[in-house]
Structures are given as C-alpha cells and as structure tokens.
Amino acid sequence: MGRHHISKAGDGFTEDPTNSFTPDAPYYFDPDVYRAEMRSIFQRNWTYFCHASQVPLEGDYLTGEIAGQSIYVVRDRNGGIGGFFNVCQHRAHQLLIGSGNVRNVIRCPYHSWTYELDGSLRGAPKCEAVLNFRREDVRLKPVGVDIIGGFIFINLDPQAVPLSEAVPHFAQKLLAMCPEAEQLRYVTRQDFAIKANWKVVVENFLENYHSFYSGPAHRQLSDVIDQDSYRWTIEGKVIEFLGRGGSAEKLPYEMKGQRQFTGRNDGFQIVFLWPNMAFLILPGASMLLVFLMVPNGPEATAEPLLYFGLGDELDAGTASAVEWFNTILGPEDVEIVESVQRGLHSLGYQRGRLMADAACQEAWSEHFLHHFNKINIEALESGG
C-alpha cells in the first residue's frame, strides 16, 4: 500500500463529517498503516504510563511497553520521577522486569554494568582496562515524562513539548472531574485481549449510537446515564462527555453513599485524550477508571481497565459497579468490536456512511469518530 492511501484512508473520508464515509476497510488492518501509526502517532505523542502512587519510594520502578519499546519509570533520590528506555548501553540487554525497588542502583543482569537512578553510568567491570573508556560518556536514554493529577505520561520523542503545554485543557478537565487525582491509589485492574484494530476499539468507545441497540449490557448503560442531560465537547485532542446519572433504581449495580470525589459533576463523565486514553467516572461510584486501548498488532488490542480510589479498597457500591463494567459491559463490547474486525475483511464491505446529524449536536452522532480519525490521518500525513 502506498503512502498516498495511508494518508487519505480512502476517498470516501471527507473533511465534512456530515457528508463523509468511514475510512476504507484496509485502514483498520493493513500492516503498513499500523507501522506508520507506531512511528507517527505512538512514538511521537503523549501516552499514559501509570500513577505516581505506584512508585512512591526512592528506587521504586515500574516497566511497561509503548509502541514496541520497553520503558521504565523510577523514583529518584530527590523524589522526582524519571523515565528511560529499558536497555543497557553495553550490549542491549533489558535492565528491569516488572516492578519493584532497586534501592539506589540499576544493575544489568548480563555483564553487571550499573547505573544511577538518573541514568548515568556508575560502573562497568574491567572498564579501567579498556582504552578511552569514559564512564561520563555513557547514559541511559531518557524519555519525556509529564505528570498531571498524579498520572504519569510518557513521550518517546525527545523534542516533545510537555503535555501540560501541548494540551493544557486536558489537565483542566481531568482535575475538574477529580480534584483528588493526585491522592488516588491504584486498586485493581481488568485486562481484555481483543482481536480487533485499536481504532475499531476507540471508535466503539467514543460513539453513543450503538448504546440503545447492540445488546442488553448497552441498554443498561443507557440507564446509567440520564440521556436528556448528556452533553459533550470536542477541543482538539480532548473529547469530554458529561451526563447526570440515571436513577438509583435503574442502575445495574449498587449505589451506596456519597461519591468521595468533589468534582463538578456527580454523574457520568469521560475525558478522552487522543490517541487512546480515557478517564471515566460512573454515577454512584467512588473510583476513577483509566480505560486504555493499546495497539498490539494490526488486528489486536490490549485493553487494560485500571481502577483508582482514595484508599486501598473500593466500597461495596463501587465494587459492584466495577464488577458490572468488567463482567457484563466489557465482554459485550469485546464481542462487538471483534465482529466488526472480521467484517472489515468481507468482500461485501468497503466503507460505511458516517451517521452524523446536520449540526453535529446530537449525542448519538458519529462526528466523534470523524474527529478522531481526522487527527489520526493528519498525524500520518505530517509524520507526527
């Protein structure tokens, strides 16, 4: 597939969301498109990594993968948090696995090269016998780190502008939703391995058109949100959804007590940050959900659901909301997007008409999908 087709995603996708089709089917499975997205989107934009509470002490570290690159973050001697490519500068062995505490030194398990928490080389066995070996010339390669509301974001591009400057309204919306974000603690997670392209998963997450029609769990979701109050805003790389909660009698989970967060909205709220991150609160639940849709191949997505609260455990009502999200709504969504992915390979399908109302004002309208893909395509065209 040529570069022209990658950038255009087919002739049916137009600038006007009210008169546009979806990108053509190969946009959602072609390996060339996927590789271009890794280079131009995920290796050059800010992505979620973890919460600062997961590395609370000096020497605490956590590893992860972004766009095929192994990364770790570590709490340094001064209480700050640094991020580095997880690779020794000697013979490319990975330095760290999982999470833990390295105290005050990172040691490569291959040849025992050791690094300070700031990435500088502390020592290398036999280095004094090597001609012109200078320890001060060896450093681990850092990655960009920005922390907003206690959440740690990573950017692999050394020229990246901090997220707080590049998308300042994201921090405003996140902290308005959950002013206590910095105090949150990681509680639990649910992982889904999905046989679908990451964009199919994001599109399904963003649109409300299917909520009333696609299955019993989504009809329950329509009861979670007071549809008459459902509102949204699109501001560049941030999409926000707001709505009052449905009545307690209609909620598909228990609701006990007052929400512990003091945000401006006590109902349903999503703050989505392009390309693949969503921060979500549910009515009657004292937890913030970080919803990630992580590319894992042209037709595979890892979907971790990360739950944060103000303590180490969730109250009974919140726990029941988590259980509903994990075991009822989540699996139904997986079935939907995997069916879409199979259908994209059909000889009977090329593209579909986007269902956007003329004013792009209705909550069911698919102009959200258009906006999401427009940013994706612009990133592919510009190289990031």
Protein backbone atom coordinates (compact mmCIF):
# COMPACT_ATOMS: atom_id res chain seq x y z
CA MET A 1 0.00 0.00 0.00
CA GLY A 2 1.42 3.40 -0.94
CA ARG A 3 1.83 6.42 1.28
CA HIS A 4 -0.98 8.27 -0.51
CA HIS A 5 -3.52 5.68 0.54
CA ILE A 6 -2.22 5.66 4.10
CA SER A 7 -2.69 9.41 4.41
CA LYS A 8 -6.09 9.57 2.71
CA ALA A 9 -7.60 6.40 4.21
CA GLY A 10 -9.78 6.13 1.11
CA ASP A 11 -11.66 8.69 -1.00
CA GLY A 12 -14.90 8.44 0.98
CA PHE A 13 -13.46 10.08 4.10
CA THR A 14 -14.04 13.82 3.63
CA GLU A 15 -13.40 16.99 5.63
CA ASP A 16 -17.12 17.35 6.38
CA PRO A 17 -18.30 14.84 9.00
CA THR A 18 -21.94 15.31 7.95
CA ASN A 19 -21.14 14.14 4.42
CA SER A 20 -18.47 11.54 4.98
CA PHE A 21 -17.90 7.82 4.92
CA THR A 22 -15.62 5.91 7.24
CA PRO A 23 -12.03 5.26 6.17
CA ASP A 24 -11.77 2.26 3.85
CA ALA A 25 -11.54 -1.18 5.45
CA PRO A 26 -7.75 -1.71 4.96
CA TYR A 27 -7.12 1.33 7.17
CA TYR A 28 -8.10 -0.97 10.03
CA PHE A 29 -5.88 -3.95 9.26
CA ASP A 30 -3.12 -3.11 6.76
CA PRO A 31 0.33 -3.70 8.32
CA ASP A 32 1.76 -0.64 6.51
CA VAL A 33 -0.83 1.59 8.14
CA TYR A 34 -0.09 0.04 11.52
CA ARG A 35 3.67 0.60 11.19
CA ALA A 36 3.07 4.20 10.14
CA GLU A 37 0.86 4.72 13.20
CA MET A 38 3.55 3.37 15.51
CA ARG A 39 6.08 5.81 14.06
CA SER A 40 3.90 8.88 13.62
CA ILE A 41 1.38 8.56 16.44
CA PHE A 42 2.56 6.38 19.30
CA GLN A 43 6.27 7.16 19.16
CA ARG A 44 5.67 10.91 18.91
CA ASN A 45 2.74 11.67 21.22
CA TRP A 46 1.99 11.51 24.93
CA THR A 47 0.63 8.23 26.26
CA TYR A 48 -0.46 7.08 29.70
CA PHE A 49 2.02 5.03 31.74
CA CYS A 50 0.97 4.77 35.42
CA HIS A 51 0.10 6.77 38.54
CA ALA A 52 2.80 8.27 40.75
CA SER A 53 1.39 6.33 43.72
CA GLN A 54 2.62 3.13 42.04
CA VAL A 55 6.25 4.27 42.52
CA PRO A 56 6.04 6.00 45.93
CA LEU A 57 9.56 5.42 47.33
CA GLU A 58 13.09 6.19 46.22
CA GLY A 59 14.21 3.39 43.90
CA ASP A 60 10.66 2.18 43.14
CA TYR A 61 10.29 1.37 39.45
CA LEU A 62 7.66 0.16 37.01
CA THR A 63 8.23 -1.15 33.49
CA GLY A 64 5.91 -1.06 30.51
CA GLU A 65 5.80 -1.01 26.73
CA ILE A 66 4.92 1.85 24.39
CA ALA A 67 4.82 1.32 20.63
CA GLY A 68 7.02 -1.77 20.91
CA GLN A 69 9.57 -0.01 23.14
CA SER A 70 10.33 -1.24 26.66
CA ILE A 71 10.29 1.70 29.10
CA TYR A 72 10.63 2.13 32.84
CA VAL A 73 9.94 4.94 35.29
CA VAL A 74 11.77 5.26 38.61
CA ARG A 75 11.52 7.46 41.69
CA ASP A 76 14.87 9.24 42.10
CA ARG A 77 16.81 10.43 45.15
CA ASN A 78 15.13 13.84 45.08
CA GLY A 79 11.60 12.44 44.96
CA GLY A 80 11.17 13.13 41.26
CA ILE A 81 10.22 10.59 38.63
CA GLY A 82 12.36 9.86 35.58
CA GLY A 83 11.68 7.70 32.57
CA PHE A 84 14.16 5.74 30.43
CA PHE A 85 14.36 3.24 27.63
CA ASN A 86 14.78 -0.10 29.38
CA VAL A 87 18.02 -1.12 27.67
CA CYS A 88 21.64 -1.36 28.77
CA GLN A 89 24.06 0.78 26.75
CA HIS A 90 26.59 -2.07 26.53
CA ARG A 91 25.00 -4.96 24.66
CA ALA A 92 21.29 -4.02 24.68
CA HIS A 93 20.13 -6.36 27.44
CA GLN A 94 16.92 -5.24 29.16
CA LEU A 95 17.66 -3.83 32.58
CA LEU A 96 14.45 -4.27 34.57
CA ILE A 97 11.44 -6.57 34.62
CA GLY A 98 8.01 -5.85 36.08
CA SER A 99 8.07 -3.61 39.14
CA GLY A 100 9.98 -3.37 42.38
CA ASN A 101 12.66 -1.38 44.13
CA VAL A 102 16.30 -1.13 43.01
CA ARG A 103 17.36 0.86 46.07
CA ASN A 104 19.96 3.22 44.65
CA VAL A 105 21.44 1.40 41.65
CA ILE A 106 20.21 -0.30 38.49
CA ARG A 107 22.29 -3.33 37.53
CA CYS A 108 22.25 -5.01 34.14
CA PRO A 109 21.87 -8.78 34.66
CA TYR A 110 24.09 -9.57 31.64
CA HIS A 111 27.51 -8.04 32.42
CA SER A 112 26.72 -6.17 35.64
CA TRP A 113 27.00 -2.66 34.29
CA THR A 114 25.43 -0.41 36.92
CA TYR A 115 23.53 2.85 36.52
CA GLU A 116 22.46 5.60 38.90
CA LEU A 117 18.77 6.42 39.23
CA ASP A 118 19.37 9.44 36.98
CA GLY A 119 20.60 7.15 34.17
CA SER A 120 24.31 7.90 34.46
CA LEU A 121 26.76 5.01 34.44
CA ARG A 122 28.11 4.15 37.89
CA GLY A 123 30.44 1.35 36.86
CA ALA A 124 31.35 -1.36 34.36
CA PRO A 125 33.53 -4.35 35.26
CA LYS A 126 37.05 -4.11 33.77
CA CYS A 127 36.35 -0.65 32.34
CA GLU A 128 39.70 0.60 33.67
CA ALA A 129 41.45 -1.79 31.27
CA VAL A 130 39.59 -0.51 28.19
CA LEU A 131 41.26 2.19 26.10
CA ASN A 132 39.50 5.57 26.17
CA PHE A 133 36.53 4.27 28.19
CA ARG A 134 34.88 7.22 29.91
CA ARG A 135 32.02 6.49 32.30
CA GLU A 136 30.74 10.06 31.97
CA ASP A 137 30.06 9.44 28.26
CA VAL A 138 27.59 6.62 28.98
CA ARG A 139 24.00 7.36 29.96
CA LEU A 140 20.68 5.62 29.59
CA LYS A 141 18.48 7.31 27.01
CA PRO A 142 15.66 9.20 28.72
CA VAL A 143 12.06 9.53 27.60
CA GLY A 144 9.81 12.52 28.13
CA VAL A 145 7.86 12.46 31.40
CA ASP A 146 4.98 14.72 32.39
CA ILE A 147 2.77 14.28 35.46
CA ILE A 148 -0.80 15.59 35.56
CA GLY A 149 -3.01 14.93 38.56
CA GLY A 150 -0.53 12.27 39.70
CA PHE A 151 -0.82 10.40 36.41
CA ILE A 152 2.46 9.80 34.60
CA PHE A 153 2.56 10.28 30.83
CA ILE A 154 5.43 9.28 28.56
CA ASN A 155 6.60 10.61 25.19
CA LEU A 156 9.34 8.86 23.21
CA ASP A 157 10.04 11.95 21.08
CA PRO A 158 12.98 13.90 22.58
CA GLN A 159 11.63 17.11 21.01
CA ALA A 160 8.17 16.79 22.54
CA VAL A 161 6.54 19.77 24.23
CA PRO A 162 5.25 18.85 27.73
CA LEU A 163 1.70 17.53 27.71
CA SER A 164 0.67 20.26 30.14
CA GLU A 165 1.68 22.83 27.50
CA ALA A 166 0.68 20.93 24.37
CA VAL A 167 -2.85 20.13 25.62
CA PRO A 168 -3.41 22.41 28.64
CA HIS A 169 -7.18 21.92 28.68
CA PHE A 170 -6.69 18.20 29.36
CA ALA A 171 -5.35 18.93 32.85
CA GLN A 172 -8.17 21.40 33.46
CA LYS A 173 -10.84 18.87 32.55
CA LEU A 174 -9.22 15.95 34.40
CA LEU A 175 -8.82 17.93 37.64
CA ALA A 176 -12.31 19.39 37.35
CA MET A 177 -13.61 15.83 37.15
CA CYS A 178 -11.47 14.57 40.02
CA PRO A 179 -9.72 17.28 42.09
CA GLU A 180 -8.35 14.49 44.30
CA ALA A 181 -6.49 12.86 41.40
CA GLU A 182 -3.06 13.25 42.99
CA GLN A 183 -4.27 11.40 46.10
CA LEU A 184 -5.59 8.40 44.16
CA ARG A 185 -4.23 4.93 44.70
CA TYR A 186 -4.22 2.03 42.26
CA VAL A 187 -6.68 -0.62 43.47
CA THR A 188 -7.32 -3.22 40.78
CA ARG A 189 -7.43 -3.89 37.04
CA GLN A 190 -9.18 -5.96 34.41
CA ASP A 191 -7.47 -6.92 31.15
CA PHE A 192 -9.10 -7.75 27.83
CA ALA A 193 -7.17 -9.12 24.85
CA ILE A 194 -9.18 -8.06 21.82
CA LYS A 195 -8.89 -9.39 18.27
CA ALA A 196 -9.52 -6.02 16.64
CA ASN A 197 -7.57 -2.99 15.47
CA TRP A 198 -7.09 -0.31 18.13
CA LYS A 199 -9.04 2.27 16.10
CA VAL A 200 -12.09 -0.01 15.94
CA VAL A 201 -11.97 -0.24 19.73
CA VAL A 202 -11.60 3.52 20.20
CA GLU A 203 -14.43 4.25 17.76
CA ASN A 204 -16.74 1.91 19.65
CA PHE A 205 -15.80 3.63 22.90
CA LEU A 206 -16.45 7.13 21.56
CA GLU A 207 -19.86 6.68 19.95
CA ASN A 208 -23.21 6.51 21.67
CA TYR A 209 -25.17 5.49 18.55
CA HIS A 210 -24.98 1.80 19.38
CA SER A 211 -25.83 2.11 23.07
CA PHE A 212 -29.56 1.57 22.62
CA TYR A 213 -29.36 -1.21 20.06
CA SER A 214 -26.36 -3.50 20.40
CA GLY A 215 -27.12 -5.67 23.41
CA PRO A 216 -28.58 -5.90 26.94
CA ALA A 217 -25.46 -4.51 28.65
CA HIS A 218 -25.55 -1.40 26.48
CA ARG A 219 -29.24 -0.91 27.19
CA GLN A 220 -28.23 -0.99 30.86
CA LEU A 221 -25.57 1.61 30.05
CA SER A 222 -28.28 3.88 28.69
CA ASP A 223 -29.89 3.63 32.16
CA VAL A 224 -26.61 4.61 33.84
CA ILE A 225 -26.67 7.96 32.00
CA ASP A 226 -29.54 10.42 32.05
CA GLN A 227 -29.75 10.78 28.27
CA ASP A 228 -31.67 14.09 28.41
CA SER A 229 -28.69 15.71 30.17
CA TYR A 230 -25.97 14.11 28.02
CA ARG A 231 -23.55 16.74 26.74
CA TRP A 232 -20.17 16.72 25.03
CA THR A 233 -17.33 18.96 23.92
CA ILE A 234 -14.59 18.46 21.33
CA GLU A 235 -11.44 20.51 21.84
CA GLY A 236 -8.56 19.29 19.70
CA LYS A 237 -7.13 16.14 21.22
CA VAL A 238 -9.65 16.08 24.08
CA ILE A 239 -13.25 14.89 23.90
CA GLU A 240 -15.39 15.22 27.03
CA PHE A 241 -18.74 13.58 27.75
CA LEU A 242 -20.96 14.67 30.64
CA GLY A 243 -24.31 13.48 31.91
CA ARG A 244 -26.26 13.17 35.11
CA GLY A 245 -26.58 9.69 36.49
CA GLY A 246 -29.68 7.62 35.95
CA SER A 247 -31.99 6.96 38.87
CA ALA A 248 -30.64 4.62 41.55
CA GLU A 249 -33.49 2.19 40.83
CA LYS A 250 -32.33 1.76 37.24
CA LEU A 251 -28.60 1.38 37.86
CA PRO A 252 -27.38 -2.17 37.08
CA TYR A 253 -25.16 -2.06 40.18
CA GLU A 254 -25.49 -0.99 43.80
CA MET A 255 -25.19 2.65 44.78
CA LYS A 256 -24.20 3.31 48.38
CA GLY A 257 -23.28 6.62 49.95
CA GLN A 258 -21.88 9.79 48.50
CA ARG A 259 -19.08 9.83 45.96
CA GLN A 260 -15.81 10.74 47.63
CA PHE A 261 -14.63 12.94 44.76
CA THR A 262 -15.58 16.63 44.85
CA GLY A 263 -15.66 17.23 41.10
CA ARG A 264 -18.19 19.49 39.40
CA ASN A 265 -20.23 16.58 38.06
CA ASP A 266 -21.60 13.82 40.29
CA GLY A 267 -22.90 11.69 37.44
CA PHE A 268 -21.24 10.17 34.38
CA GLN A 269 -18.13 11.71 32.86
CA ILE A 270 -15.43 10.80 30.36
CA VAL A 271 -12.33 12.80 29.48
CA PHE A 272 -10.79 11.19 26.39
CA LEU A 273 -7.24 12.13 25.39
CA TRP A 274 -6.12 11.27 21.87
CA PRO A 275 -4.95 8.85 20.71
CA ASN A 276 -6.16 6.07 23.04
CA MET A 277 -6.75 7.11 26.67
CA ALA A 278 -9.95 7.74 28.59
CA PHE A 279 -10.53 8.79 32.20
CA LEU A 280 -14.00 7.90 33.40
CA ILE A 281 -16.23 8.08 36.45
CA LEU A 282 -19.56 6.31 36.88
CA PRO A 283 -22.62 7.53 38.81
CA GLY A 284 -22.71 6.33 42.40
CA ALA A 285 -19.15 5.01 42.31
CA SER A 286 -16.10 6.39 44.13
CA MET A 287 -13.48 5.35 41.62
CA LEU A 288 -11.72 6.77 38.60
CA LEU A 289 -11.29 4.34 35.73
CA VAL A 290 -8.38 4.69 33.31
CA PHE A 291 -9.52 3.00 30.10
CA LEU A 292 -6.70 2.24 27.65
CA MET A 293 -6.90 0.90 24.09
CA VAL A 294 -3.34 -0.15 23.34
CA PRO A 295 -2.29 -1.30 19.83
CA ASN A 296 -0.86 -4.81 19.95
CA GLY A 297 -0.59 -5.54 16.23
CA PRO A 298 -2.61 -4.60 13.14
CA GLU A 299 -5.57 -6.63 14.40
CA ALA A 300 -5.01 -6.88 18.14
CA THR A 301 -5.62 -4.52 21.03
CA ALA A 302 -4.72 -4.82 24.69
CA GLU A 303 -7.39 -3.17 26.81
CA PRO A 304 -6.44 -2.71 30.46
CA LEU A 305 -9.08 -1.18 32.72
CA LEU A 306 -7.28 0.42 35.66
CA TYR A 307 -9.28 1.36 38.75
CA PHE A 308 -8.16 4.04 41.21
CA GLY A 309 -9.71 5.11 44.51
CA LEU A 310 -8.82 7.17 47.57
CA GLY A 311 -7.95 4.08 49.57
CA ASP A 312 -6.61 0.58 49.09
CA GLU A 313 -10.10 -0.92 48.71
CA LEU A 314 -13.34 0.04 47.00
CA ASP A 315 -16.59 0.39 48.92
CA ALA A 316 -19.33 -2.16 48.23
CA GLY A 317 -21.27 0.05 45.83
CA THR A 318 -18.19 0.98 43.85
CA ALA A 319 -17.03 -2.65 43.76
CA SER A 320 -20.39 -3.68 42.30
CA ALA A 321 -20.02 -1.01 39.58
CA VAL A 322 -16.56 -2.36 38.77
CA GLU A 323 -17.94 -5.90 38.62
CA TRP A 324 -20.67 -4.82 36.18
CA PHE A 325 -18.19 -2.96 33.99
CA ASN A 326 -15.74 -5.91 33.95
CA THR A 327 -18.09 -8.87 33.55
CA ILE A 328 -21.21 -7.51 31.82
CA LEU A 329 -20.45 -4.43 29.72
CA GLY A 330 -16.82 -5.21 28.86
CA PRO A 331 -17.34 -8.67 27.34
CA GLU A 332 -20.28 -7.42 25.26
CA ASP A 333 -18.08 -4.64 23.86
CA VAL A 334 -15.36 -7.16 23.00
CA GLU A 335 -17.84 -9.27 21.03
CA ILE A 336 -18.99 -6.18 19.12
CA VAL A 337 -15.57 -4.94 18.03
CA GLU A 338 -14.26 -8.41 17.15
CA SER A 339 -17.29 -8.91 14.89
CA VAL A 340 -16.54 -5.56 13.24
CA GLN A 341 -12.93 -6.57 12.67
CA ARG A 342 -14.00 -9.79 10.96
CA GLY A 343 -16.47 -7.85 8.83
CA LEU A 344 -13.80 -5.44 7.63
CA HIS A 345 -12.27 -8.33 5.68
CA SER A 346 -15.52 -9.09 3.88
CA LEU A 347 -15.57 -8.74 0.10
CA GLY A 348 -19.02 -7.27 0.66
CA TYR A 349 -17.72 -4.21 2.52
CA GLN A 350 -15.50 -1.28 1.56
CA ARG A 351 -16.64 1.63 3.72
CA GLY A 352 -19.74 2.79 5.62
CA ARG A 353 -21.64 6.07 5.80
CA LEU A 354 -20.97 8.01 9.00
CA MET A 355 -24.19 8.81 10.84
CA ALA A 356 -23.75 12.45 11.83
CA ASP A 357 -26.62 14.87 12.32
CA ALA A 358 -26.55 18.05 10.26
CA ALA A 359 -25.49 20.28 13.17
CA CYS A 360 -23.18 17.71 14.83
CA GLN A 361 -25.03 18.37 18.07
CA GLU A 362 -26.67 15.08 18.94
CA ALA A 363 -25.00 12.75 21.44
CA TRP A 364 -25.65 9.77 19.16
CA SER A 365 -23.90 11.43 16.22
CA GLU A 366 -20.78 9.76 14.82
CA HIS A 367 -18.91 13.01 14.22
CA PHE A 368 -16.78 11.96 17.22
CA LEU A 369 -15.42 9.12 15.08
CA HIS A 370 -14.73 11.53 12.25
CA HIS A 371 -12.80 13.88 14.54
CA PHE A 372 -10.75 11.01 15.98
CA ASN A 373 -9.78 9.70 12.54
CA LYS A 374 -9.09 13.18 11.18
CA ILE A 375 -6.42 13.65 13.87
CA ASN A 376 -5.01 10.18 13.11
CA ILE A 377 -4.77 10.90 9.38
CA GLU A 378 -3.22 14.33 9.93
CA ALA A 379 -0.56 12.69 12.12
CA LEU A 380 0.20 10.15 9.40
CA GLU A 381 0.47 12.90 6.80
CA SER A 382 2.78 15.06 8.90
CA GLY A 383 4.81 12.25 10.44
CA GLY A 384 3.62 13.10 13.91
